[in-house]
């Protein structure tokens, strides 16, 4: 089961993502124009991806979301 969390044109998604999952994905993209030292790591989305057949109620990202609010536990993103 898939759950869409955000939909917009490509420019708006890359410049101003609204959903924390979208922002997390964009922050985890390796960039060739930003060199990393051996000790620096790519940013990651903390937590464990849920099993698709056992998604939590509401927004499937809320258990791993640094900005989760109570309503996200009950209502999927719209």
PDB file of N, CA and C in Angstrom:
ATOM      1  N   UNK A   1       0.839  -1.183   0.000  1.00  0.00           N
ATOM      2  CA  UNK A   1       0.000   0.000   0.000  1.00  0.00           C
ATOM      3  C   UNK A   1       0.886   1.248   0.000  1.00  0.00           C
ATOM      4  N   UNK A   2       0.604   2.170  -0.876  1.00  0.00           N
ATOM      5  CA  UNK A   2       1.349   3.421  -0.947  1.00  0.00           C
ATOM      6  C   UNK A   2       0.496   4.549  -0.396  1.00  0.00           C
ATOM      7  N   UNK A   3       1.170   5.558   0.100  1.00  0.00           N
ATOM      8  CA  UNK A   3       0.460   6.720   0.620  1.00  0.00           C
ATOM      9  C   UNK A   3       1.170   7.966   0.115  1.00  0.00           C
ATOM     10  N   UNK A   4       0.466   8.782  -0.660  1.00  0.00           N
ATOM     11  CA  UNK A   4       1.052  10.025  -1.145  1.00  0.00           C
ATOM     12  C   UNK A   4       1.021  11.042  -0.004  1.00  0.00           C
ATOM     13  N   UNK A   5       2.141  11.690   0.230  1.00  0.00           N
ATOM     14  CA  UNK A   5       2.187  12.686   1.302  1.00  0.00           C
ATOM     15  C   UNK A   5       2.237  14.112   0.782  1.00  0.00           C
ATOM     16  N   UNK A   6       2.638  14.265  -0.480  1.00  0.00           N
ATOM     17  CA  UNK A   6       2.739  15.619  -1.021  1.00  0.00           C
ATOM     18  C   UNK A   6       2.727  15.561  -2.541  1.00  0.00           C
ATOM     19  N   UNK A   7       2.051  16.524  -3.149  1.00  0.00           N
ATOM     20  CA  UNK A   7       2.006  16.623  -4.602  1.00  0.00           C
ATOM     21  C   UNK A   7       2.128  18.082  -4.990  1.00  0.00           C
ATOM     22  N   UNK A   8       3.059  18.368  -5.900  1.00  0.00           N
ATOM     23  CA  UNK A   8       3.269  19.737  -6.382  1.00  0.00           C
ATOM     24  C   UNK A   8       4.160  19.675  -7.614  1.00  0.00           C
ATOM     25  N   UNK A   9       4.346  20.805  -8.267  1.00  0.00           N
ATOM     26  CA  UNK A   9       5.264  20.814  -9.395  1.00  0.00           C
ATOM     27  C   UNK A   9       6.695  20.659  -8.868  1.00  0.00           C
ATOM     28  N   UNK A  10       7.571  20.215  -9.743  1.00  0.00           N
ATOM     29  CA  UNK A  10       8.933  19.848  -9.325  1.00  0.00           C
ATOM     30  C   UNK A  10       9.692  21.018  -8.682  1.00  0.00           C
ATOM     31  N   UNK A  11       9.516  22.199  -9.185  1.00  0.00           N
ATOM     32  CA  UNK A  11      10.234  23.350  -8.623  1.00  0.00           C
ATOM     33  C   UNK A  11       9.789  23.612  -7.191  1.00  0.00           C
ATOM     34  N   UNK A  12       8.479  23.603  -6.948  1.00  0.00           N
ATOM     35  CA  UNK A  12       7.977  23.848  -5.595  1.00  0.00           C
ATOM     36  C   UNK A  12       8.404  22.740  -4.631  1.00  0.00           C
ATOM     37  N   UNK A  13       8.373  21.499  -5.097  1.00  0.00           N
ATOM     38  CA  UNK A  13       8.802  20.384  -4.225  1.00  0.00           C
ATOM     39  C   UNK A  13      10.255  20.571  -3.806  1.00  0.00           C
ATOM     40  N   UNK A  14      11.133  20.885  -4.743  1.00  0.00           N
ATOM     41  CA  UNK A  14      12.552  21.024  -4.422  1.00  0.00           C
ATOM     42  C   UNK A  14      12.862  22.294  -3.628  1.00  0.00           C
ATOM     43  N   UNK A  15      12.137  23.375  -3.883  1.00  0.00           N
ATOM     44  CA  UNK A  15      12.428  24.632  -3.192  1.00  0.00           C
ATOM     45  C   UNK A  15      11.750  24.743  -1.836  1.00  0.00           C
ATOM     46  N   UNK A  16      10.516  24.281  -1.722  1.00  0.00           N
ATOM     47  CA  UNK A  16       9.779  24.426  -0.455  1.00  0.00           C
ATOM     48  C   UNK A  16       8.910  23.203  -0.171  1.00  0.00           C
ATOM     49  N   UNK A  17       9.534  22.079   0.161  1.00  0.00           N
ATOM     50  CA  UNK A  17       8.721  20.915   0.510  1.00  0.00           C
ATOM     51  C   UNK A  17       7.911  21.212   1.769  1.00  0.00           C
ATOM     52  N   UNK A  18       6.658  20.758   1.775  1.00  0.00           N
ATOM     53  CA  UNK A  18       5.787  21.032   2.918  1.00  0.00           C
ATOM     54  C   UNK A  18       5.745  19.881   3.921  1.00  0.00           C
ATOM     55  N   UNK A  19       5.860  18.660   3.438  1.00  0.00           N
ATOM     56  CA  UNK A  19       5.770  17.509   4.339  1.00  0.00           C
ATOM     57  C   UNK A  19       7.168  17.126   4.832  1.00  0.00           C
ATOM     58  N   UNK A  20       7.325  16.801   6.111  1.00  0.00           N
ATOM     59  CA  UNK A  20       8.635  16.432   6.648  1.00  0.00           C
ATOM     60  C   UNK A  20       9.288  15.241   5.933  1.00  0.00           C
ATOM     61  N   UNK A  21       8.491  14.295   5.433  1.00  0.00           N
ATOM     62  CA  UNK A  21       9.070  13.155   4.717  1.00  0.00           C
ATOM     63  C   UNK A  21       9.715  13.617   3.411  1.00  0.00           C
ATOM     64  N   UNK A  22       9.035  14.494   2.680  1.00  0.00           N
ATOM     65  CA  UNK A  22       9.594  15.041   1.441  1.00  0.00           C
ATOM     66  C   UNK A  22      10.894  15.776   1.736  1.00  0.00           C
ATOM     67  N   UNK A  23      10.891  16.600   2.775  1.00  0.00           N
ATOM     68  CA  UNK A  23      12.104  17.344   3.152  1.00  0.00           C
ATOM     69  C   UNK A  23      13.228  16.379   3.524  1.00  0.00           C
ATOM     70  N   UNK A  24      12.909  15.325   4.266  1.00  0.00           N
ATOM     71  CA  UNK A  24      13.915  14.337   4.652  1.00  0.00           C
ATOM     72  C   UNK A  24      14.517  13.631   3.455  1.00  0.00           C
ATOM     73  N   UNK A  25      13.689  13.266   2.503  1.00  0.00           N
ATOM     74  CA  UNK A  25      14.198  12.621   1.290  1.00  0.00           C
ATOM     75  C   UNK A  25      15.133  13.554   0.526  1.00  0.00           C
ATOM     76  N   UNK A  26      14.720  14.801   0.386  1.00  0.00           N
ATOM     77  CA  UNK A  26      15.562  15.755  -0.348  1.00  0.00           C
ATOM     78  C   UNK A  26      16.886  16.019   0.362  1.00  0.00           C
ATOM     79  N   UNK A  27      16.885  16.023   1.676  1.00  0.00           N
ATOM     80  CA  UNK A  27      18.117  16.248   2.433  1.00  0.00           C
ATOM     81  C   UNK A  27      19.054  15.047   2.380  1.00  0.00           C
ATOM     82  N   UNK A  28      18.546  13.889   2.006  1.00  0.00           N
ATOM     83  CA  UNK A  28      19.383  12.688   1.976  1.00  0.00           C
ATOM     84  C   UNK A  28      20.008  12.429   0.598  1.00  0.00           C
ATOM     85  N   UNK A  29      19.729  13.266  -0.373  1.00  0.00           N
ATOM     86  CA  UNK A  29      20.286  13.082  -1.715  1.00  0.00           C
ATOM     87  C   UNK A  29      21.769  13.457  -1.713  1.00  0.00           C
ATOM     88  N   UNK A  30      22.650  12.550  -2.172  1.00  0.00           N
ATOM     89  CA  UNK A  30      24.065  12.927  -2.270  1.00  0.00           C
ATOM     90  C   UNK A  30      24.246  13.997  -3.344  1.00  0.00           C
ATOM     91  N   UNK A  31      25.102  14.961  -3.050  1.00  0.00           N
ATOM     92  CA  UNK A  31      25.330  16.049  -4.006  1.00  0.00           C
ATOM     93  C   UNK A  31      26.794  16.090  -4.382  1.00  0.00           C
ATOM     94  N   UNK A  32      27.045  16.102  -5.663  1.00  0.00           N
ATOM     95  CA  UNK A  32      28.411  16.116  -6.157  1.00  0.00           C
ATOM     96  C   UNK A  32      29.090  17.464  -5.900  1.00  0.00           C
ATOM     97  N   UNK A  33      28.288  18.533  -5.747  1.00  0.00           N
ATOM     98  CA  UNK A  33      28.864  19.861  -5.531  1.00  0.00           C
ATOM     99  C   UNK A  33      29.159  20.132  -4.052  1.00  0.00           C
ATOM    100  N   UNK A  34      28.881  19.191  -3.181  1.00  0.00           N
ATOM    101  CA  UNK A  34      29.173  19.356  -1.757  1.00  0.00           C
ATOM    102  C   UNK A  34      30.041  18.194  -1.296  1.00  0.00           C
ATOM    103  N   UNK A  35      31.339  18.429  -1.223  1.00  0.00           N
ATOM    104  CA  UNK A  35      32.255  17.363  -0.836  1.00  0.00           C
ATOM    105  C   UNK A  35      32.105  17.056   0.645  1.00  0.00           C
ATOM    106  N   UNK A  36      32.182  15.810   0.964  1.00  0.00           N
ATOM    107  CA  UNK A  36      32.095  15.361   2.345  1.00  0.00           C
ATOM    108  C   UNK A  36      33.459  14.842   2.778  1.00  0.00           C
ATOM    109  N   UNK A  37      33.794  15.074   4.041  1.00  0.00           N
ATOM    110  CA  UNK A  37      35.017  14.484   4.575  1.00  0.00           C
ATOM    111  C   UNK A  37      34.709  13.038   4.947  1.00  0.00           C
ATOM    112  N   UNK A  38      35.732  12.279   5.279  1.00  0.00           N
ATOM    113  CA  UNK A  38      35.547  10.866   5.624  1.00  0.00           C
ATOM    114  C   UNK A  38      34.628  10.688   6.830  1.00  0.00           C
ATOM    115  N   UNK A  39      34.580  11.664   7.734  1.00  0.00           N
ATOM    116  CA  UNK A  39      33.762  11.538   8.939  1.00  0.00           C
ATOM    117  C   UNK A  39      32.332  12.035   8.751  1.00  0.00           C
ATOM    118  N   UNK A  40      32.090  12.811   7.699  1.00  0.00           N
ATOM    119  CA  UNK A  40      30.743  13.318   7.441  1.00  0.00           C
ATOM    120  C   UNK A  40      29.916  12.256   6.737  1.00  0.00           C
ATOM    121  N   UNK A  41      28.657  12.205   7.080  1.00  0.00           N
ATOM    122  CA  UNK A  41      27.753  11.227   6.483  1.00  0.00           C
ATOM    123  C   UNK A  41      26.579  11.946   5.837  1.00  0.00           C
ATOM    124  N   UNK A  42      25.929  11.244   4.945  1.00  0.00           N
ATOM    125  CA  UNK A  42      24.697  11.776   4.382  1.00  0.00           C
ATOM    126  C   UNK A  42      23.648  11.855   5.477  1.00  0.00           C
ATOM    127  N   UNK A  43      22.734  12.785   5.366  1.00  0.00           N
ATOM    128  CA  UNK A  43      21.623  12.864   6.329  1.00  0.00           C
ATOM    129  C   UNK A  43      20.717  11.673   6.094  1.00  0.00           C
ATOM    130  N   UNK A  44      20.136  11.180   7.155  1.00  0.00           N
ATOM    131  CA  UNK A  44      19.244  10.041   7.045  1.00  0.00           C
ATOM    132  C   UNK A  44      17.926  10.324   7.748  1.00  0.00           C
ATOM    133  N   UNK A  45      16.921   9.570   7.387  1.00  0.00           N
ATOM    134  CA  UNK A  45      15.654   9.630   8.087  1.00  0.00           C
ATOM    135  C   UNK A  45      15.733   8.567   9.173  1.00  0.00           C
ATOM    136  N   UNK A  46      15.686   8.980  10.403  1.00  0.00           N
ATOM    137  CA  UNK A  46      15.828   8.064  11.536  1.00  0.00           C
ATOM    138  C   UNK A  46      14.647   7.100  11.615  1.00  0.00           C
ATOM    139  N   UNK A  47      14.874   5.975  12.263  1.00  0.00           N
ATOM    140  CA  UNK A  47      13.810   5.007  12.501  1.00  0.00           C
ATOM    141  C   UNK A  47      13.794   3.889  11.485  1.00  0.00           C
ATOM    142  N   UNK A  48      12.794   3.056  11.599  1.00  0.00           N
ATOM    143  CA  UNK A  48      12.652   1.883  10.744  1.00  0.00           C
ATOM    144  C   UNK A  48      11.428   2.053   9.851  1.00  0.00           C
ATOM    145  N   UNK A  49      11.599   1.766   8.583  1.00  0.00           N
ATOM    146  CA  UNK A  49      10.484   1.841   7.641  1.00  0.00           C
ATOM    147  C   UNK A  49       9.478   0.756   8.021  1.00  0.00           C
ATOM    148  N   UNK A  50       8.199   1.098   8.149  1.00  0.00           N
ATOM    149  CA  UNK A  50       7.210   0.095   8.551  1.00  0.00           C
ATOM    150  C   UNK A  50       6.969  -0.941   7.459  1.00  0.00           C
ATOM    151  N   UNK A  51       6.557  -2.118   7.869  1.00  0.00           N
ATOM    152  CA  UNK A  51       6.169  -3.169   6.931  1.00  0.00           C
ATOM    153  C   UNK A  51       4.888  -2.690   6.231  1.00  0.00           C
ATOM    154  N   UNK A  52       4.852  -2.744   4.899  1.00  0.00           N
ATOM    155  CA  UNK A  52       3.685  -2.210   4.178  1.00  0.00           C
ATOM    156  C   UNK A  52       2.342  -2.765   4.641  1.00  0.00           C
ATOM    157  N   UNK A  53       2.295  -4.010   5.058  1.00  0.00           N
ATOM    158  CA  UNK A  53       1.021  -4.580   5.507  1.00  0.00           C
ATOM    159  C   UNK A  53       0.676  -4.195   6.946  1.00  0.00           C
ATOM    160  N   UNK A  54       1.590  -3.486   7.612  1.00  0.00           N
ATOM    161  CA  UNK A  54       1.369  -3.072   9.005  1.00  0.00           C
ATOM    162  C   UNK A  54       1.629  -1.580   9.205  1.00  0.00           C
ATOM    163  N   UNK A  55       1.158  -0.782   8.286  1.00  0.00           N
ATOM    164  CA  UNK A  55       1.349   0.661   8.406  1.00  0.00           C
ATOM    165  C   UNK A  55       0.585   1.189   9.614  1.00  0.00           C
ATOM    166  N   UNK A  56       1.153   2.157  10.310  1.00  0.00           N
ATOM    167  CA  UNK A  56       0.432   2.748  11.439  1.00  0.00           C
ATOM    168  C   UNK A  56      -0.759   3.561  10.932  1.00  0.00           C
ATOM    169  N   UNK A  57      -1.733   3.801  11.782  1.00  0.00           N
ATOM    170  CA  UNK A  57      -2.868   4.635  11.358  1.00  0.00           C
ATOM    171  C   UNK A  57      -2.408   6.073  11.107  1.00  0.00           C
ATOM    172  N   UNK A  58      -3.182   6.788  10.336  1.00  0.00           N
ATOM    173  CA  UNK A  58      -2.840   8.176  10.037  1.00  0.00           C
ATOM    174  C   UNK A  58      -1.716   8.247   9.030  1.00  0.00           C
ATOM    175  N   UNK A  59      -0.846   9.194   9.206  1.00  0.00           N
ATOM    176  CA  UNK A  59       0.317   9.358   8.332  1.00  0.00           C
ATOM    177  C   UNK A  59       1.309   8.240   8.644  1.00  0.00           C
ATOM    178  N   UNK A  60       1.678   7.451   7.640  1.00  0.00           N
ATOM    179  CA  UNK A  60       2.592   6.326   7.847  1.00  0.00           C
ATOM    180  C   UNK A  60       3.971   6.788   8.307  1.00  0.00           C
ATOM    181  N   UNK A  61       4.294   8.043   8.129  1.00  0.00           N
ATOM    182  CA  UNK A  61       5.603   8.575   8.515  1.00  0.00           C
ATOM    183  C   UNK A  61       5.637   9.059   9.969  1.00  0.00           C
ATOM    184  N   UNK A  62       4.500   9.213  10.626  1.00  0.00           N
ATOM    185  CA  UNK A  62       4.483   9.877  11.937  1.00  0.00           C
ATOM    186  C   UNK A  62       5.380   9.235  13.008  1.00  0.00           C
ATOM    187  N   UNK A  63       5.590   7.908  13.037  1.00  0.00           N
ATOM    188  CA  UNK A  63       6.482   7.386  14.073  1.00  0.00           C
ATOM    189  C   UNK A  63       7.945   7.834  13.913  1.00  0.00           C
ATOM    190  N   UNK A  64       8.327   8.221  12.700  1.00  0.00           N
ATOM    191  CA  UNK A  64       9.718   8.631  12.444  1.00  0.00           C
ATOM    192  C   UNK A  64       9.846  10.131  12.197  1.00  0.00           C
ATOM    193  N   UNK A  65       8.766  10.858  12.360  1.00  0.00           N
ATOM    194  CA  UNK A  65       8.732  12.268  11.993  1.00  0.00           C
ATOM    195  C   UNK A  65       9.180  13.174  13.139  1.00  0.00           C
ATOM    196  N   UNK A  66      10.169  14.041  12.890  1.00  0.00           N
ATOM    197  CA  UNK A  66      10.611  14.971  13.934  1.00  0.00           C
ATOM    198  C   UNK A  66       9.605  16.098  14.187  1.00  0.00           C
ATOM    199  N   UNK A  67       8.618  16.241  13.296  1.00  0.00           N
ATOM    200  CA  UNK A  67       7.626  17.316  13.433  1.00  0.00           C
ATOM    201  C   UNK A  67       6.212  16.774  13.617  1.00  0.00           C
ATOM    202  N   UNK A  68       6.090  15.530  14.017  1.00  0.00           N
ATOM    203  CA  UNK A  68       4.775  14.892  14.125  1.00  0.00           C
ATOM    204  C   UNK A  68       3.895  15.605  15.140  1.00  0.00           C
ATOM    205  N   UNK A  69       2.625  15.720  14.820  1.00  0.00           N
ATOM    206  CA  UNK A  69       1.655  16.289  15.728  1.00  0.00           C
ATOM    207  C   UNK A  69       0.557  15.260  15.941  1.00  0.00           C
ATOM    208  N   UNK A  70      -0.228  15.442  16.939  1.00  0.00           N
ATOM    209  CA  UNK A  70      -1.240  14.457  17.324  1.00  0.00           C
ATOM    210  C   UNK A  70      -2.152  14.062  16.165  1.00  0.00           C
ATOM    211  N   UNK A  71      -2.579  15.019  15.361  1.00  0.00           N
ATOM    212  CA  UNK A  71      -3.500  14.705  14.265  1.00  0.00           C
ATOM    213  C   UNK A  71      -2.870  13.760  13.238  1.00  0.00           C
ATOM    214  N   UNK A  72      -1.545  13.788  13.096  1.00  0.00           N
ATOM    215  CA  UNK A  72      -0.867  12.913  12.129  1.00  0.00           C
ATOM    216  C   UNK A  72      -1.019  11.446  12.511  1.00  0.00           C
ATOM    217  N   UNK A  73      -1.258  11.177  13.781  1.00  0.00           N
ATOM    218  CA  UNK A  73      -1.428   9.789  14.228  1.00  0.00           C
ATOM    219  C   UNK A  73      -2.786   9.230  13.848  1.00  0.00           C
ATOM    220  N   UNK A  74      -3.722  10.091  13.494  1.00  0.00           N
ATOM    221  CA  UNK A  74      -5.074   9.637  13.179  1.00  0.00           C
ATOM    222  C   UNK A  74      -5.486   9.926  11.726  1.00  0.00           C
ATOM    223  N   UNK A  75      -4.922  10.958  11.122  1.00  0.00           N
ATOM    224  CA  UNK A  75      -5.382  11.394   9.804  1.00  0.00           C
ATOM    225  C   UNK A  75      -4.229  11.357   8.798  1.00  0.00           C
ATOM    226  N   UNK A  76      -4.397  10.641   7.687  1.00  0.00           N
ATOM    227  CA  UNK A  76      -3.365  10.662   6.645  1.00  0.00           C
ATOM    228  C   UNK A  76      -3.227  12.050   6.036  1.00  0.00           C
ATOM    229  N   UNK A  77      -2.072  12.364   5.443  1.00  0.00           N
ATOM    230  CA  UNK A  77      -1.905  13.664   4.772  1.00  0.00           C
ATOM    231  C   UNK A  77      -2.931  13.816   3.660  1.00  0.00           C
ATOM    232  N   UNK A  78      -3.360  15.038   3.419  1.00  0.00           N
ATOM    233  CA  UNK A  78      -4.314  15.252   2.329  1.00  0.00           C
ATOM    234  C   UNK A  78      -3.743  16.214   1.313  1.00  0.00           C
TER     235      UNK A  78
END
